[in-house]
Amino acid sequence: MSDTVKVVHIPRGKNHIHLRLQNIADLYDSNSLTETVDLSLIANALWTAGNLGKSVKYGDLIIDELSLTGNMMLKEM
């Protein structure tokens, strides 16, 4: 990721996190490119940090893309 992507972590419950990604660049910034974010890599990093670096296995990783307000799945819109 670059300096133009802001990541906000919001815990929702045990093993459930809301991750909000924001593009803080605008059309007038010289580096306003489209960025690609590997959500699996972020999830692995959060899991490893949350388990103090120990190799603890986890089951399924479910990633749902939500609306801007975070209350509705995009596939339901």
N, C-alpha and C. Protein backbone atom coordinates (compact mmCIF):
# COMPACT_ATOMS: atom_id res chain seq x y z
N MET A 1 0.84 -1.17 0.00
CA MET A 1 0.00 0.00 0.00
C MET A 1 0.88 1.23 0.00
N SER A 2 0.27 2.34 -0.27
CA SER A 2 1.03 3.59 -0.34
C SER A 2 0.50 4.58 0.69
N ASP A 3 1.06 5.78 0.64
CA ASP A 3 0.64 6.82 1.57
C ASP A 3 -0.75 7.37 1.27
N THR A 4 -1.30 7.01 0.12
CA THR A 4 -2.62 7.54 -0.25
C THR A 4 -3.75 6.60 0.14
N VAL A 5 -3.44 5.49 0.80
CA VAL A 5 -4.46 4.56 1.27
C VAL A 5 -4.47 4.59 2.79
N LYS A 6 -5.63 4.87 3.35
CA LYS A 6 -5.78 4.90 4.81
C LYS A 6 -6.55 3.66 5.23
N VAL A 7 -6.06 2.95 6.24
CA VAL A 7 -6.70 1.73 6.74
C VAL A 7 -7.18 2.00 8.15
N VAL A 8 -8.46 1.72 8.40
CA VAL A 8 -9.05 1.88 9.73
C VAL A 8 -9.55 0.51 10.18
N HIS A 9 -9.12 0.07 11.37
CA HIS A 9 -9.52 -1.23 11.92
C HIS A 9 -10.58 -0.99 12.98
N ILE A 10 -11.71 -1.69 12.87
CA ILE A 10 -12.78 -1.56 13.86
C ILE A 10 -13.16 -2.97 14.33
N PRO A 11 -12.85 -3.34 15.57
CA PRO A 11 -13.22 -4.67 16.06
C PRO A 11 -14.73 -4.78 16.21
N ARG A 12 -15.29 -5.90 15.77
CA ARG A 12 -16.73 -6.14 15.85
C ARG A 12 -17.10 -7.26 16.80
N GLY A 13 -16.16 -8.09 17.14
CA GLY A 13 -16.40 -9.22 18.03
C GLY A 13 -15.23 -10.18 17.93
N LYS A 14 -15.35 -11.33 18.60
CA LYS A 14 -14.28 -12.31 18.55
C LYS A 14 -14.10 -12.80 17.11
N ASN A 15 -12.87 -12.69 16.61
CA ASN A 15 -12.51 -13.12 15.25
C ASN A 15 -13.32 -12.42 14.17
N HIS A 16 -13.76 -11.20 14.43
CA HIS A 16 -14.56 -10.43 13.47
C HIS A 16 -14.08 -8.98 13.50
N ILE A 17 -13.63 -8.49 12.36
CA ILE A 17 -13.10 -7.14 12.30
C ILE A 17 -13.67 -6.43 11.07
N HIS A 18 -13.93 -5.16 11.23
CA HIS A 18 -14.39 -4.31 10.12
C HIS A 18 -13.18 -3.51 9.68
N LEU A 19 -12.81 -3.64 8.42
CA LEU A 19 -11.66 -2.95 7.88
C LEU A 19 -12.15 -1.96 6.86
N ARG A 20 -11.85 -0.69 7.07
CA ARG A 20 -12.27 0.35 6.13
C ARG A 20 -11.04 0.90 5.43
N LEU A 21 -11.07 0.85 4.10
CA LEU A 21 -9.98 1.36 3.29
C LEU A 21 -10.44 2.64 2.62
N GLN A 22 -9.63 3.69 2.74
CA GLN A 22 -9.99 4.98 2.15
C GLN A 22 -8.87 5.46 1.23
N ASN A 23 -9.26 5.92 0.07
CA ASN A 23 -8.32 6.55 -0.85
C ASN A 23 -8.30 8.03 -0.53
N ILE A 24 -7.19 8.51 0.02
CA ILE A 24 -7.13 9.92 0.42
C ILE A 24 -6.49 10.80 -0.63
N ALA A 25 -6.17 10.22 -1.79
CA ALA A 25 -5.65 11.02 -2.90
C ALA A 25 -6.83 11.55 -3.71
N ASP A 26 -6.63 12.67 -4.37
CA ASP A 26 -7.65 13.18 -5.27
C ASP A 26 -7.04 13.37 -6.65
N LEU A 27 -7.83 13.80 -7.58
CA LEU A 27 -7.36 13.93 -8.96
C LEU A 27 -6.20 14.90 -9.12
N TYR A 28 -6.04 15.82 -8.20
CA TYR A 28 -5.00 16.84 -8.32
C TYR A 28 -3.68 16.44 -7.67
N ASP A 29 -3.65 15.30 -6.98
CA ASP A 29 -2.39 14.80 -6.42
C ASP A 29 -1.57 14.16 -7.53
N SER A 30 -0.28 14.34 -7.47
CA SER A 30 0.58 13.78 -8.52
C SER A 30 0.63 12.26 -8.48
N ASN A 31 0.35 11.66 -7.33
CA ASN A 31 0.41 10.20 -7.19
C ASN A 31 -0.99 9.60 -7.00
N SER A 32 -1.97 10.10 -7.69
CA SER A 32 -3.35 9.62 -7.53
C SER A 32 -3.64 8.42 -8.43
N LEU A 33 -2.88 7.36 -8.23
CA LEU A 33 -3.06 6.13 -8.99
C LEU A 33 -4.03 5.19 -8.28
N THR A 34 -4.57 4.25 -9.02
CA THR A 34 -5.40 3.22 -8.42
C THR A 34 -4.50 2.23 -7.70
N GLU A 35 -4.78 1.98 -6.45
CA GLU A 35 -3.97 1.07 -5.64
C GLU A 35 -4.67 -0.28 -5.49
N THR A 36 -3.89 -1.33 -5.42
CA THR A 36 -4.40 -2.68 -5.17
C THR A 36 -4.02 -3.07 -3.76
N VAL A 37 -4.98 -3.60 -3.02
CA VAL A 37 -4.75 -3.98 -1.63
C VAL A 37 -5.01 -5.47 -1.49
N ASP A 38 -4.06 -6.19 -0.91
CA ASP A 38 -4.20 -7.62 -0.66
C ASP A 38 -4.81 -7.81 0.73
N LEU A 39 -6.12 -8.05 0.76
CA LEU A 39 -6.82 -8.18 2.04
C LEU A 39 -6.39 -9.41 2.82
N SER A 40 -6.03 -10.48 2.13
CA SER A 40 -5.55 -11.68 2.82
C SER A 40 -4.25 -11.40 3.55
N LEU A 41 -3.38 -10.60 2.95
CA LEU A 41 -2.12 -10.24 3.59
C LEU A 41 -2.36 -9.39 4.84
N ILE A 42 -3.31 -8.46 4.76
CA ILE A 42 -3.65 -7.64 5.93
C ILE A 42 -4.25 -8.52 7.02
N ALA A 43 -5.14 -9.44 6.65
CA ALA A 43 -5.76 -10.34 7.63
C ALA A 43 -4.71 -11.21 8.32
N ASN A 44 -3.75 -11.75 7.55
CA ASN A 44 -2.68 -12.55 8.15
C ASN A 44 -1.83 -11.74 9.10
N ALA A 45 -1.52 -10.50 8.73
CA ALA A 45 -0.72 -9.64 9.60
C ALA A 45 -1.46 -9.32 10.90
N LEU A 46 -2.76 -9.04 10.80
CA LEU A 46 -3.55 -8.76 12.01
C LEU A 46 -3.64 -10.00 12.90
N TRP A 47 -3.83 -11.17 12.28
CA TRP A 47 -3.93 -12.42 13.04
C TRP A 47 -2.61 -12.71 13.76
N THR A 48 -1.50 -12.55 13.06
CA THR A 48 -0.19 -12.81 13.66
C THR A 48 0.10 -11.83 14.79
N ALA A 49 -0.22 -10.55 14.59
CA ALA A 49 0.00 -9.56 15.65
C ALA A 49 -0.90 -9.83 16.85
N GLY A 50 -2.13 -10.25 16.59
CA GLY A 50 -3.07 -10.53 17.67
C GLY A 50 -2.70 -11.76 18.47
N ASN A 51 -1.92 -12.66 17.90
CA ASN A 51 -1.49 -13.87 18.59
C ASN A 51 -0.01 -13.82 18.97
N LEU A 52 0.51 -12.61 19.09
CA LEU A 52 1.87 -12.35 19.57
C LEU A 52 2.93 -13.08 18.76
N GLY A 53 2.70 -13.21 17.45
CA GLY A 53 3.70 -13.81 16.58
C GLY A 53 3.75 -15.33 16.61
N LYS A 54 2.93 -15.96 17.44
CA LYS A 54 2.90 -17.43 17.50
C LYS A 54 2.18 -17.97 16.28
N SER A 55 2.58 -19.14 15.83
CA SER A 55 1.93 -19.71 14.65
C SER A 55 0.65 -20.44 15.06
N VAL A 56 -0.42 -19.69 15.16
CA VAL A 56 -1.72 -20.24 15.49
C VAL A 56 -2.52 -20.32 14.19
N LYS A 57 -3.03 -21.51 13.90
CA LYS A 57 -3.78 -21.70 12.66
C LYS A 57 -5.19 -21.15 12.83
N TYR A 58 -5.74 -20.66 11.73
CA TYR A 58 -7.13 -20.24 11.74
C TYR A 58 -7.85 -20.92 10.60
N GLY A 59 -9.16 -20.99 10.71
CA GLY A 59 -9.97 -21.69 9.72
C GLY A 59 -10.20 -20.85 8.49
N ASP A 60 -11.42 -20.61 8.20
CA ASP A 60 -11.78 -19.88 6.99
C ASP A 60 -11.59 -18.39 7.16
N LEU A 61 -11.20 -17.76 6.07
CA LEU A 61 -11.11 -16.31 6.01
C LEU A 61 -12.23 -15.84 5.09
N ILE A 62 -13.17 -15.11 5.65
CA ILE A 62 -14.31 -14.64 4.88
C ILE A 62 -14.18 -13.13 4.72
N ILE A 63 -14.16 -12.67 3.48
CA ILE A 63 -14.05 -11.25 3.19
C ILE A 63 -15.31 -10.82 2.45
N ASP A 64 -16.06 -9.90 3.05
CA ASP A 64 -17.28 -9.36 2.44
C ASP A 64 -17.06 -7.89 2.15
N GLU A 65 -17.43 -7.47 0.94
CA GLU A 65 -17.32 -6.07 0.58
C GLU A 65 -18.65 -5.39 0.91
N LEU A 66 -18.58 -4.32 1.70
CA LEU A 66 -19.78 -3.64 2.18
C LEU A 66 -19.93 -2.27 1.53
N SER A 67 -21.11 -1.71 1.71
CA SER A 67 -21.38 -0.35 1.22
C SER A 67 -20.54 0.65 1.99
N LEU A 68 -20.57 1.91 1.57
CA LEU A 68 -19.79 2.94 2.25
C LEU A 68 -20.17 3.09 3.71
N THR A 69 -21.44 2.86 4.03
CA THR A 69 -21.88 2.98 5.42
C THR A 69 -21.57 1.73 6.23
N GLY A 70 -21.20 0.63 5.57
CA GLY A 70 -20.81 -0.59 6.26
C GLY A 70 -21.96 -1.41 6.79
N ASN A 71 -23.18 -1.16 6.31
CA ASN A 71 -24.32 -1.89 6.85
C ASN A 71 -25.01 -2.78 5.82
N MET A 72 -24.48 -2.84 4.58
CA MET A 72 -25.11 -3.66 3.56
C MET A 72 -24.04 -4.21 2.62
N MET A 73 -24.15 -5.51 2.30
CA MET A 73 -23.21 -6.11 1.37
C MET A 73 -23.46 -5.58 -0.04
N LEU A 74 -22.38 -5.37 -0.78
CA LEU A 74 -22.50 -4.83 -2.13
C LEU A 74 -23.28 -5.76 -3.03
N LYS A 75 -23.17 -7.07 -2.84
CA LYS A 75 -23.91 -8.00 -3.69
C LYS A 75 -25.41 -7.94 -3.46
N GLU A 76 -25.86 -7.35 -2.35
CA GLU A 76 -27.28 -7.20 -2.07
C GLU A 76 -27.85 -5.90 -2.61
N MET A 77 -26.99 -5.01 -3.06
CA MET A 77 -27.47 -3.70 -3.53
C MET A 77 -27.99 -3.79 -4.94
